[in-house]
mmCIF file of all heavy atoms, coordinates in Angstrom:
data_MODEL
# 
_entry.id   MODEL 
# 
loop_
_atom_site.group_PDB 
_atom_site.id 
_atom_site.type_symbol 
_atom_site.label_atom_id 
_atom_site.label_alt_id 
_atom_site.label_comp_id 
_atom_site.label_asym_id 
_atom_site.label_entity_id 
_atom_site.label_seq_id 
_atom_site.pdbx_PDB_ins_code 
_atom_site.Cartn_x 
_atom_site.Cartn_y 
_atom_site.Cartn_z 
_atom_site.occupancy 
_atom_site.B_iso_or_equiv 
_atom_site.pdbx_formal_charge 
_atom_site.auth_seq_id 
_atom_site.auth_comp_id 
_atom_site.auth_asym_id 
_atom_site.auth_atom_id 
_atom_site.pdbx_PDB_model_num 
ATOM 1   N N   . ILE A 1 1  ? 115.896 92.831  83.255 1.00 0.00 ? 1  ILE A N   1 
ATOM 2   C CA  . ILE A 1 1  ? 114.441 92.915  83.389 1.00 0.00 ? 1  ILE A CA  1 
ATOM 3   C C   . ILE A 1 1  ? 114.153 93.494  84.766 1.00 0.00 ? 1  ILE A C   1 
ATOM 4   O O   . ILE A 1 1  ? 114.710 93.035  85.752 1.00 0.00 ? 1  ILE A O   1 
ATOM 5   C CB  . ILE A 1 1  ? 113.788 91.525  83.263 1.00 0.00 ? 1  ILE A CB  1 
ATOM 6   C CG1 . ILE A 1 1  ? 114.047 90.949  81.881 1.00 0.00 ? 1  ILE A CG1 1 
ATOM 7   C CG2 . ILE A 1 1  ? 112.302 91.594  83.531 1.00 0.00 ? 1  ILE A CG2 1 
ATOM 8   C CD1 . ILE A 1 1  ? 113.574 89.528  81.732 1.00 0.00 ? 1  ILE A CD1 1 
ATOM 9   N N   . LYS A 1 2  ? 113.273 94.495  84.817 1.00 0.00 ? 2  LYS A N   1 
ATOM 10  C CA  . LYS A 1 2  ? 112.872 95.099  86.086 1.00 0.00 ? 2  LYS A CA  1 
ATOM 11  C C   . LYS A 1 2  ? 111.368 94.929  86.239 1.00 0.00 ? 2  LYS A C   1 
ATOM 12  O O   . LYS A 1 2  ? 110.621 95.157  85.291 1.00 0.00 ? 2  LYS A O   1 
ATOM 13  C CB  . LYS A 1 2  ? 113.224 96.586  86.115 1.00 0.00 ? 2  LYS A CB  1 
ATOM 14  C CG  . LYS A 1 2  ? 114.706 96.852  86.048 1.00 0.00 ? 2  LYS A CG  1 
ATOM 15  C CD  . LYS A 1 2  ? 114.999 98.326  86.049 1.00 0.00 ? 2  LYS A CD  1 
ATOM 16  C CE  . LYS A 1 2  ? 116.487 98.564  85.911 1.00 0.00 ? 2  LYS A CE  1 
ATOM 17  N NZ  . LYS A 1 2  ? 116.820 99.982  85.870 1.00 0.00 ? 2  LYS A NZ  1 
ATOM 18  N N   . SER A 1 3  ? 110.964 94.526  87.432 1.00 0.00 ? 3  SER A N   1 
ATOM 19  C CA  . SER A 1 3  ? 109.536 94.327  87.685 1.00 0.00 ? 3  SER A CA  1 
ATOM 20  C C   . SER A 1 3  ? 109.263 94.439  89.178 1.00 0.00 ? 3  SER A C   1 
ATOM 21  O O   . SER A 1 3  ? 110.109 94.108  89.994 1.00 0.00 ? 3  SER A O   1 
ATOM 22  C CB  . SER A 1 3  ? 109.093 92.964  87.169 1.00 0.00 ? 3  SER A CB  1 
ATOM 23  O OG  . SER A 1 3  ? 107.747 92.734  87.491 1.00 0.00 ? 3  SER A OG  1 
ATOM 24  N N   . ARG A 1 4  ? 108.064 94.890  89.503 1.00 0.00 ? 4  ARG A N   1 
ATOM 25  C CA  . ARG A 1 4  ? 107.637 94.905  90.905 1.00 0.00 ? 4  ARG A CA  1 
ATOM 26  C C   . ARG A 1 4  ? 107.058 93.547  91.307 1.00 0.00 ? 4  ARG A C   1 
ATOM 27  O O   . ARG A 1 4  ? 106.927 93.258  92.483 1.00 0.00 ? 4  ARG A O   1 
ATOM 28  C CB  . ARG A 1 4  ? 106.588 95.993  91.124 1.00 0.00 ? 4  ARG A CB  1 
ATOM 29  C CG  . ARG A 1 4  ? 107.147 97.385  90.963 1.00 0.00 ? 4  ARG A CG  1 
ATOM 30  C CD  . ARG A 1 4  ? 106.048 98.408  91.219 1.00 0.00 ? 4  ARG A CD  1 
ATOM 31  N NE  . ARG A 1 4  ? 106.468 99.724  90.793 1.00 0.00 ? 4  ARG A NE  1 
ATOM 32  C CZ  . ARG A 1 4  ? 107.044 100.596 91.607 1.00 0.00 ? 4  ARG A CZ  1 
ATOM 33  N NH1 . ARG A 1 4  ? 107.250 100.287 92.855 1.00 0.00 ? 4  ARG A NH1 1 
ATOM 34  N NH2 . ARG A 1 4  ? 107.408 101.767 91.146 1.00 0.00 ? 4  ARG A NH2 1 
ATOM 35  N N   . ASN A 1 5  ? 106.715 92.746  90.324 1.00 0.00 ? 5  ASN A N   1 
ATOM 36  C CA  . ASN A 1 5  ? 106.103 91.445  90.573 1.00 0.00 ? 5  ASN A CA  1 
ATOM 37  C C   . ASN A 1 5  ? 107.155 90.343  90.382 1.00 0.00 ? 5  ASN A C   1 
ATOM 38  O O   . ASN A 1 5  ? 107.619 90.120  89.265 1.00 0.00 ? 5  ASN A O   1 
ATOM 39  C CB  . ASN A 1 5  ? 104.940 91.248  89.600 1.00 0.00 ? 5  ASN A CB  1 
ATOM 40  C CG  . ASN A 1 5  ? 104.160 90.000  89.881 1.00 0.00 ? 5  ASN A CG  1 
ATOM 41  O OD1 . ASN A 1 5  ? 104.506 89.220  90.769 1.00 0.00 ? 5  ASN A OD1 1 
ATOM 42  N ND2 . ASN A 1 5  ? 103.097 89.798  89.126 1.00 0.00 ? 5  ASN A ND2 1 
ATOM 43  N N   . PRO A 1 6  ? 107.554 89.638  91.432 1.00 0.00 ? 6  PRO A N   1 
ATOM 44  C CA  . PRO A 1 6  ? 108.584 88.603  91.282 1.00 0.00 ? 6  PRO A CA  1 
ATOM 45  C C   . PRO A 1 6  ? 108.110 87.412  90.449 1.00 0.00 ? 6  PRO A C   1 
ATOM 46  O O   . PRO A 1 6  ? 108.917 86.702  89.858 1.00 0.00 ? 6  PRO A O   1 
ATOM 47  C CB  . PRO A 1 6  ? 108.902 88.189  92.716 1.00 0.00 ? 6  PRO A CB  1 
ATOM 48  C CG  . PRO A 1 6  ? 107.715 88.583  93.508 1.00 0.00 ? 6  PRO A CG  1 
ATOM 49  C CD  . PRO A 1 6  ? 107.125 89.769  92.819 1.00 0.00 ? 6  PRO A CD  1 
ATOM 50  N N   . ALA A 1 7  ? 106.804 87.202  90.355 1.00 0.00 ? 7  ALA A N   1 
ATOM 51  C CA  . ALA A 1 7  ? 106.286 86.073  89.570 1.00 0.00 ? 7  ALA A CA  1 
ATOM 52  C C   . ALA A 1 7  ? 106.595 86.244  88.087 1.00 0.00 ? 7  ALA A C   1 
ATOM 53  O O   . ALA A 1 7  ? 106.844 85.264  87.376 1.00 0.00 ? 7  ALA A O   1 
ATOM 54  C CB  . ALA A 1 7  ? 104.797 85.929  89.788 1.00 0.00 ? 7  ALA A CB  1 
ATOM 55  N N   . LYS A 1 8  ? 106.589 87.485  87.587 1.00 0.00 ? 8  LYS A N   1 
ATOM 56  C CA  . LYS A 1 8  ? 106.918 87.725  86.178 1.00 0.00 ? 8  LYS A CA  1 
ATOM 57  C C   . LYS A 1 8  ? 108.360 87.361  85.883 1.00 0.00 ? 8  LYS A C   1 
ATOM 58  O O   . LYS A 1 8  ? 108.669 86.764  84.851 1.00 0.00 ? 8  LYS A O   1 
ATOM 59  C CB  . LYS A 1 8  ? 106.677 89.195  85.821 1.00 0.00 ? 8  LYS A CB  1 
ATOM 60  C CG  . LYS A 1 8  ? 105.235 89.579  85.732 1.00 0.00 ? 8  LYS A CG  1 
ATOM 61  C CD  . LYS A 1 8  ? 105.098 91.031  85.326 1.00 0.00 ? 8  LYS A CD  1 
ATOM 62  C CE  . LYS A 1 8  ? 103.646 91.434  85.253 1.00 0.00 ? 8  LYS A CE  1 
ATOM 63  N NZ  . LYS A 1 8  ? 103.476 92.846  84.881 1.00 0.00 ? 8  LYS A NZ  1 
ATOM 64  N N   . ILE A 1 9  ? 109.256 87.701  86.785 1.00 0.00 ? 9  ILE A N   1 
ATOM 65  C CA  . ILE A 1 9  ? 110.669 87.387  86.583 1.00 0.00 ? 9  ILE A CA  1 
ATOM 66  C C   . ILE A 1 9  ? 110.894 85.886  86.666 1.00 0.00 ? 9  ILE A C   1 
ATOM 67  O O   . ILE A 1 9  ? 111.618 85.308  85.851 1.00 0.00 ? 9  ILE A O   1 
ATOM 68  C CB  . ILE A 1 9  ? 111.540 88.163  87.594 1.00 0.00 ? 9  ILE A CB  1 
ATOM 69  C CG1 . ILE A 1 9  ? 111.494 89.650  87.249 1.00 0.00 ? 9  ILE A CG1 1 
ATOM 70  C CG2 . ILE A 1 9  ? 112.970 87.649  87.586 1.00 0.00 ? 9  ILE A CG2 1 
ATOM 71  C CD1 . ILE A 1 9  ? 112.277 90.537  88.129 1.00 0.00 ? 9  ILE A CD1 1 
ATOM 72  N N   . LEU A 1 10 ? 110.256 85.226  87.612 1.00 0.00 ? 10 LEU A N   1 
ATOM 73  C CA  . LEU A 1 10 ? 110.408 83.780  87.729 1.00 0.00 ? 10 LEU A CA  1 
ATOM 74  C C   . LEU A 1 10 ? 109.821 83.057  86.514 1.00 0.00 ? 10 LEU A C   1 
ATOM 75  O O   . LEU A 1 10 ? 110.365 82.044  86.066 1.00 0.00 ? 10 LEU A O   1 
ATOM 76  C CB  . LEU A 1 10 ? 109.751 83.276  89.011 1.00 0.00 ? 10 LEU A CB  1 
ATOM 77  C CG  . LEU A 1 10 ? 110.442 83.722  90.302 1.00 0.00 ? 10 LEU A CG  1 
ATOM 78  C CD1 . LEU A 1 10 ? 109.632 83.266  91.504 1.00 0.00 ? 10 LEU A CD1 1 
ATOM 79  C CD2 . LEU A 1 10 ? 111.846 83.178  90.370 1.00 0.00 ? 10 LEU A CD2 1 
ATOM 80  N N   . ALA A 1 11 ? 108.744 83.566  85.962 1.00 0.00 ? 11 ALA A N   1 
ATOM 81  C CA  . ALA A 1 11 ? 108.164 82.966  84.759 1.00 0.00 ? 11 ALA A CA  1 
ATOM 82  C C   . ALA A 1 11 ? 109.107 83.119  83.577 1.00 0.00 ? 11 ALA A C   1 
ATOM 83  O O   . ALA A 1 11 ? 109.263 82.195  82.768 1.00 0.00 ? 11 ALA A O   1 
ATOM 84  C CB  . ALA A 1 11 ? 106.819 83.612  84.449 1.00 0.00 ? 11 ALA A CB  1 
ATOM 85  N N   . PHE A 1 12 ? 109.771 84.268  83.473 1.00 0.00 ? 12 PHE A N   1 
ATOM 86  C CA  . PHE A 1 12 ? 110.717 84.470  82.376 1.00 0.00 ? 12 PHE A CA  1 
ATOM 87  C C   . PHE A 1 12 ? 111.924 83.547  82.522 1.00 0.00 ? 12 PHE A C   1 
ATOM 88  O O   . PHE A 1 12 ? 112.393 82.967  81.545 1.00 0.00 ? 12 PHE A O   1 
ATOM 89  C CB  . PHE A 1 12 ? 111.163 85.932  82.323 1.00 0.00 ? 12 PHE A CB  1 
ATOM 90  C CG  . PHE A 1 12 ? 112.105 86.183  81.196 1.00 0.00 ? 12 PHE A CG  1 
ATOM 91  C CD1 . PHE A 1 12 ? 111.634 86.256  79.901 1.00 0.00 ? 12 PHE A CD1 1 
ATOM 92  C CD2 . PHE A 1 12 ? 113.453 86.302  81.425 1.00 0.00 ? 12 PHE A CD2 1 
ATOM 93  C CE1 . PHE A 1 12 ? 112.502 86.454  78.854 1.00 0.00 ? 12 PHE A CE1 1 
ATOM 94  C CE2 . PHE A 1 12 ? 114.330 86.502  80.384 1.00 0.00 ? 12 PHE A CE2 1 
ATOM 95  C CZ  . PHE A 1 12 ? 113.846 86.582  79.095 1.00 0.00 ? 12 PHE A CZ  1 
ATOM 96  N N   . ILE A 1 13 ? 112.420 83.385  83.742 1.00 0.00 ? 13 ILE A N   1 
ATOM 97  C CA  . ILE A 1 13 ? 113.556 82.489  83.969 1.00 0.00 ? 13 ILE A CA  1 
ATOM 98  C C   . ILE A 1 13 ? 113.165 81.046  83.619 1.00 0.00 ? 13 ILE A C   1 
ATOM 99  O O   . ILE A 1 13 ? 113.968 80.287  83.079 1.00 0.00 ? 13 ILE A O   1 
ATOM 100 C CB  . ILE A 1 13 ? 114.054 82.605  85.419 1.00 0.00 ? 13 ILE A CB  1 
ATOM 101 C CG1 . ILE A 1 13 ? 114.691 83.977  85.636 1.00 0.00 ? 13 ILE A CG1 1 
ATOM 102 C CG2 . ILE A 1 13 ? 115.052 81.518  85.756 1.00 0.00 ? 13 ILE A CG2 1 
ATOM 103 C CD1 . ILE A 1 13 ? 115.053 84.263  87.063 1.00 0.00 ? 13 ILE A CD1 1 
ATOM 104 N N   . ASP A 1 14 ? 111.913 80.683  83.883 1.00 0.00 ? 14 ASP A N   1 
ATOM 105 C CA  . ASP A 1 14 ? 111.449 79.347  83.535 1.00 0.00 ? 14 ASP A CA  1 
ATOM 106 C C   . ASP A 1 14 ? 111.447 79.144  82.018 1.00 0.00 ? 14 ASP A C   1 
ATOM 107 O O   . ASP A 1 14 ? 111.773 78.066  81.526 1.00 0.00 ? 14 ASP A O   1 
ATOM 108 C CB  . ASP A 1 14 ? 110.049 79.131  84.110 1.00 0.00 ? 14 ASP A CB  1 
ATOM 109 C CG  . ASP A 1 14 ? 109.571 77.711  83.943 1.00 0.00 ? 14 ASP A CG  1 
ATOM 110 O OD1 . ASP A 1 14 ? 110.366 76.791  84.253 1.00 0.00 ? 14 ASP A OD1 1 
ATOM 111 O OD2 . ASP A 1 14 ? 108.428 77.509  83.509 1.00 0.00 ? 14 ASP A OD2 1 
ATOM 112 N N   . ILE A 1 15 ? 111.106 80.171  81.262 1.00 0.00 ? 15 ILE A N   1 
ATOM 113 C CA  . ILE A 1 15 ? 111.109 80.082  79.794 1.00 0.00 ? 15 ILE A CA  1 
ATOM 114 C C   . ILE A 1 15 ? 112.528 79.887  79.268 1.00 0.00 ? 15 ILE A C   1 
ATOM 115 O O   . ILE A 1 15 ? 112.739 79.185  78.271 1.00 0.00 ? 15 ILE A O   1 
ATOM 116 C CB  . ILE A 1 15 ? 110.455 81.339  79.186 1.00 0.00 ? 15 ILE A CB  1 
ATOM 117 C CG1 . ILE A 1 15 ? 108.958 81.336  79.478 1.00 0.00 ? 15 ILE A CG1 1 
ATOM 118 C CG2 . ILE A 1 15 ? 110.685 81.419  77.688 1.00 0.00 ? 15 ILE A CG2 1 
ATOM 119 C CD1 . ILE A 1 15 ? 108.251 82.607  79.098 1.00 0.00 ? 15 ILE A CD1 1 
ATOM 120 N N   . LEU A 1 16 ? 113.517 80.473  79.920 1.00 0.00 ? 16 LEU A N   1 
ATOM 121 C CA  . LEU A 1 16 ? 114.905 80.376  79.446 1.00 0.00 ? 16 LEU A CA  1 
ATOM 122 C C   . LEU A 1 16 ? 115.399 78.927  79.403 1.00 0.00 ? 16 LEU A C   1 
ATOM 123 O O   . LEU A 1 16 ? 116.279 78.604  78.620 1.00 0.00 ? 16 LEU A O   1 
ATOM 124 C CB  . LEU A 1 16 ? 115.827 81.202  80.346 1.00 0.00 ? 16 LEU A CB  1 
ATOM 125 C CG  . LEU A 1 16 ? 115.629 82.714  80.347 1.00 0.00 ? 16 LEU A CG  1 
ATOM 126 C CD1 . LEU A 1 16 ? 116.621 83.364  81.294 1.00 0.00 ? 16 LEU A CD1 1 
ATOM 127 C CD2 . LEU A 1 16 ? 115.769 83.283  78.957 1.00 0.00 ? 16 LEU A CD2 1 
ATOM 128 N N   . ARG A 1 17 ? 114.823 78.066  80.226 1.00 0.00 ? 17 ARG A N   1 
ATOM 129 C CA  . ARG A 1 17 ? 115.265 76.669  80.260 1.00 0.00 ? 17 ARG A CA  1 
ATOM 130 C C   . ARG A 1 17 ? 115.044 75.958  78.931 1.00 0.00 ? 17 ARG A C   1 
ATOM 131 O O   . ARG A 1 17 ? 115.723 74.997  78.621 1.00 0.00 ? 17 ARG A O   1 
ATOM 132 C CB  . ARG A 1 17 ? 114.512 75.890  81.335 1.00 0.00 ? 17 ARG A CB  1 
ATOM 133 C CG  . ARG A 1 17 ? 114.805 76.327  82.719 1.00 0.00 ? 17 ARG A CG  1 
ATOM 134 C CD  . ARG A 1 17 ? 114.110 75.461  83.737 1.00 0.00 ? 17 ARG A CD  1 
ATOM 135 N NE  . ARG A 1 17 ? 112.687 75.272  83.420 1.00 0.00 ? 17 ARG A NE  1 
ATOM 136 C CZ  . ARG A 1 17 ? 112.028 74.163  83.684 1.00 0.00 ? 17 ARG A CZ  1 
ATOM 137 N NH1 . ARG A 1 17 ? 112.621 73.151  84.242 1.00 0.00 ? 17 ARG A NH1 1 
ATOM 138 N NH2 . ARG A 1 17 ? 110.741 74.070  83.409 1.00 0.00 ? 17 ARG A NH2 1 
ATOM 139 N N   . TYR A 1 18 ? 114.078 76.404  78.145 1.00 0.00 ? 18 TYR A N   1 
ATOM 140 C CA  . TYR A 1 18 ? 113.696 75.684  76.938 1.00 0.00 ? 18 TYR A CA  1 
ATOM 141 C C   . TYR A 1 18 ? 114.508 76.061  75.705 1.00 0.00 ? 18 TYR A C   1 
ATOM 142 O O   . TYR A 1 18 ? 114.279 75.504  74.638 1.00 0.00 ? 18 TYR A O   1 
ATOM 143 C CB  . TYR A 1 18 ? 112.206 75.876  76.665 1.00 0.00 ? 18 TYR A CB  1 
ATOM 144 C CG  . TYR A 1 18 ? 111.359 75.333  77.787 1.00 0.00 ? 18 TYR A CG  1 
ATOM 145 C CD1 . TYR A 1 18 ? 110.674 76.185  78.635 1.00 0.00 ? 18 TYR A CD1 1 
ATOM 146 C CD2 . TYR A 1 18 ? 111.291 73.972  78.028 1.00 0.00 ? 18 TYR A CD2 1 
ATOM 147 C CE1 . TYR A 1 18 ? 109.913 75.692  79.678 1.00 0.00 ? 18 TYR A CE1 1 
ATOM 148 C CE2 . TYR A 1 18 ? 110.544 73.465  79.078 1.00 0.00 ? 18 TYR A CE2 1 
ATOM 149 C CZ  . TYR A 1 18 ? 109.857 74.333  79.894 1.00 0.00 ? 18 TYR A CZ  1 
ATOM 150 O OH  . TYR A 1 18 ? 109.121 73.841  80.932 1.00 0.00 ? 18 TYR A OH  1 
ATOM 151 N N   . LEU A 1 19 ? 115.420 76.994  75.813 1.00 0.00 ? 19 LEU A N   1 
ATOM 152 C CA  . LEU A 1 19 ? 116.262 77.358  74.670 1.00 0.00 ? 19 LEU A CA  1 
ATOM 153 C C   . LEU A 1 19 ? 117.424 76.379  74.574 1.00 0.00 ? 19 LEU A C   1 
ATOM 154 O O   . LEU A 1 19 ? 118.186 76.212  75.517 1.00 0.00 ? 19 LEU A O   1 
ATOM 155 C CB  . LEU A 1 19 ? 116.777 78.789  74.820 1.00 0.00 ? 19 LEU A CB  1 
ATOM 156 C CG  . LEU A 1 19 ? 115.722 79.867  74.645 1.00 0.00 ? 19 LEU A CG  1 
ATOM 157 C CD1 . LEU A 1 19 ? 116.322 81.227  74.946 1.00 0.00 ? 19 LEU A CD1 1 
ATOM 158 C CD2 . LEU A 1 19 ? 115.162 79.852  73.247 1.00 0.00 ? 19 LEU A CD2 1 
ATOM 159 N N   . ASN A 1 20 ? 117.572 75.744  73.433 1.00 0.00 ? 20 ASN A N   1 
ATOM 160 C CA  . ASN A 1 20 ? 118.634 74.763  73.233 1.00 0.00 ? 20 ASN A CA  1 
ATOM 161 C C   . ASN A 1 20 ? 119.941 75.442  72.853 1.00 0.00 ? 20 ASN A C   1 
ATOM 162 O O   . ASN A 1 20 ? 119.961 76.353  72.029 1.00 0.00 ? 20 ASN A O   1 
ATOM 163 C CB  . ASN A 1 20 ? 118.253 73.767  72.133 1.00 0.00 ? 20 ASN A CB  1 
ATOM 164 C CG  . ASN A 1 20 ? 117.128 72.868  72.552 1.00 0.00 ? 20 ASN A CG  1 
ATOM 165 O OD1 . ASN A 1 20 ? 116.966 72.589  73.730 1.00 0.00 ? 20 ASN A OD1 1 
ATOM 166 N ND2 . ASN A 1 20 ? 116.346 72.414  71.591 1.00 0.00 ? 20 ASN A ND2 1 
ATOM 167 N N   . GLY A 1 21 ? 121.019 74.992  73.444 1.00 0.00 ? 21 GLY A N   1 
ATOM 168 C CA  . GLY A 1 21 ? 122.346 75.469  73.066 1.00 0.00 ? 21 GLY A CA  1 
ATOM 169 C C   . GLY A 1 21 ? 122.710 76.838  73.600 1.00 0.00 ? 21 GLY A C   1 
ATOM 170 O O   . GLY A 1 21 ? 123.675 77.435  73.136 1.00 0.00 ? 21 GLY A O   1 
ATOM 171 N N   . VAL A 1 22 ? 121.954 77.364  74.532 1.00 0.00 ? 22 VAL A N   1 
ATOM 172 C CA  . VAL A 1 22 ? 122.235 78.684  75.092 1.00 0.00 ? 22 VAL A CA  1 
ATOM 173 C C   . VAL A 1 22 ? 122.504 78.519  76.584 1.00 0.00 ? 22 VAL A C   1 
ATOM 174 O O   . VAL A 1 22 ? 121.702 77.930  77.304 1.00 0.00 ? 22 VAL A O   1 
ATOM 175 C CB  . VAL A 1 22 ? 121.066 79.666  74.859 1.00 0.00 ? 22 VAL A CB  1 
ATOM 176 C CG1 . VAL A 1 22 ? 121.410 81.041  75.411 1.00 0.00 ? 22 VAL A CG1 1 
ATOM 177 C CG2 . VAL A 1 22 ? 120.718 79.756  73.394 1.00 0.00 ? 22 VAL A CG2 1 
ATOM 178 N N   . LYS A 1 23 ? 123.650 79.052  77.037 1.00 0.00 ? 23 LYS A N   1 
ATOM 179 C CA  . LYS A 1 23 ? 123.983 79.039  78.464 1.00 0.00 ? 23 LYS A CA  1 
ATOM 180 C C   . LYS A 1 23 ? 123.636 80.396  79.055 1.00 0.00 ? 23 LYS A C   1 
ATOM 181 O O   . LYS A 1 23 ? 123.785 81.424  78.396 1.00 0.00 ? 23 LYS A O   1 
ATOM 182 C CB  . LYS A 1 23 ? 125.473 78.783  78.673 1.00 0.00 ? 23 LYS A CB  1 
ATOM 183 C CG  . LYS A 1 23 ? 125.944 77.444  78.222 1.00 0.00 ? 23 LYS A CG  1 
ATOM 184 C CD  . LYS A 1 23 ? 127.436 77.340  78.479 1.00 0.00 ? 23 LYS A CD  1 
ATOM 185 C CE  . LYS A 1 23 ? 128.024 76.131  77.824 1.00 0.00 ? 23 LYS A CE  1 
ATOM 186 N NZ  . LYS A 1 23 ? 129.484 76.109  77.962 1.00 0.00 ? 23 LYS A NZ  1 
ATOM 187 N N   . PHE A 1 24 ? 123.204 80.380  80.314 1.00 0.00 ? 24 PHE A N   1 
ATOM 188 C CA  . PHE A 1 24 ? 122.796 81.619  80.967 1.00 0.00 ? 24 PHE A CA  1 
ATOM 189 C C   . PHE A 1 24 ? 123.469 81.784  82.316 1.00 0.00 ? 24 PHE A C   1 
ATOM 190 O O   . PHE A 1 24 ? 123.718 80.801  83.006 1.00 0.00 ? 24 PHE A O   1 
ATOM 191 C CB  . PHE A 1 24 ? 121.273 81.626  81.205 1.00 0.00 ? 24 PHE A CB  1 
ATOM 192 C CG  . PHE A 1 24 ? 120.479 81.644  79.952 1.00 0.00 ? 24 PHE A CG  1 
ATOM 193 C CD1 . PHE A 1 24 ? 119.910 80.489  79.466 1.00 0.00 ? 24 PHE A CD1 1 
ATOM 194 C CD2 . PHE A 1 24 ? 120.297 82.815  79.264 1.00 0.00 ? 24 PHE A CD2 1 
ATOM 195 C CE1 . PHE A 1 24 ? 119.174 80.493  78.306 1.00 0.00 ? 24 PHE A CE1 1 
ATOM 196 C CE2 . PHE A 1 24 ? 119.571 82.834  78.100 1.00 0.00 ? 24 PHE A CE2 1 
ATOM 197 C CZ  . PHE A 1 24 ? 119.011 81.672  77.625 1.00 0.00 ? 24 PHE A CZ  1 
ATOM 198 N N   . LYS A 1 25 ? 123.729 83.035  82.648 1.00 0.00 ? 25 LYS A N   1 
ATOM 199 C CA  . LYS A 1 25 ? 124.103 83.402  84.010 1.00 0.00 ? 25 LYS A CA  1 
ATOM 200 C C   . LYS A 1 25 ? 123.067 84.431  84.433 1.00 0.00 ? 25 LYS A C   1 
ATOM 201 O O   . LYS A 1 25 ? 122.897 85.465  83.791 1.00 0.00 ? 25 LYS A O   1 
ATOM 202 C CB  . LYS A 1 25 ? 125.503 84.001  84.057 1.00 0.00 ? 25 LYS A CB  1 
ATOM 203 C CG  . LYS A 1 25 ? 125.891 84.478  85.442 1.00 0.00 ? 25 LYS A CG  1 
ATOM 204 C CD  . LYS A 1 25 ? 127.243 85.152  85.447 1.00 0.00 ? 25 LYS A CD  1 
ATOM 205 C CE  . LYS A 1 25 ? 127.548 85.706  86.821 1.00 0.00 ? 25 LYS A CE  1 
ATOM 206 N NZ  . LYS A 1 25 ? 128.786 86.483  86.818 1.00 0.00 ? 25 LYS A NZ  1 
# 
């Protein structure tokens, strides 16, 4: 994901926490 706004990337990373059974790096 590429963005000029860091808040968009941080919001997306926050959404990733809610996926069950998926590990992320």
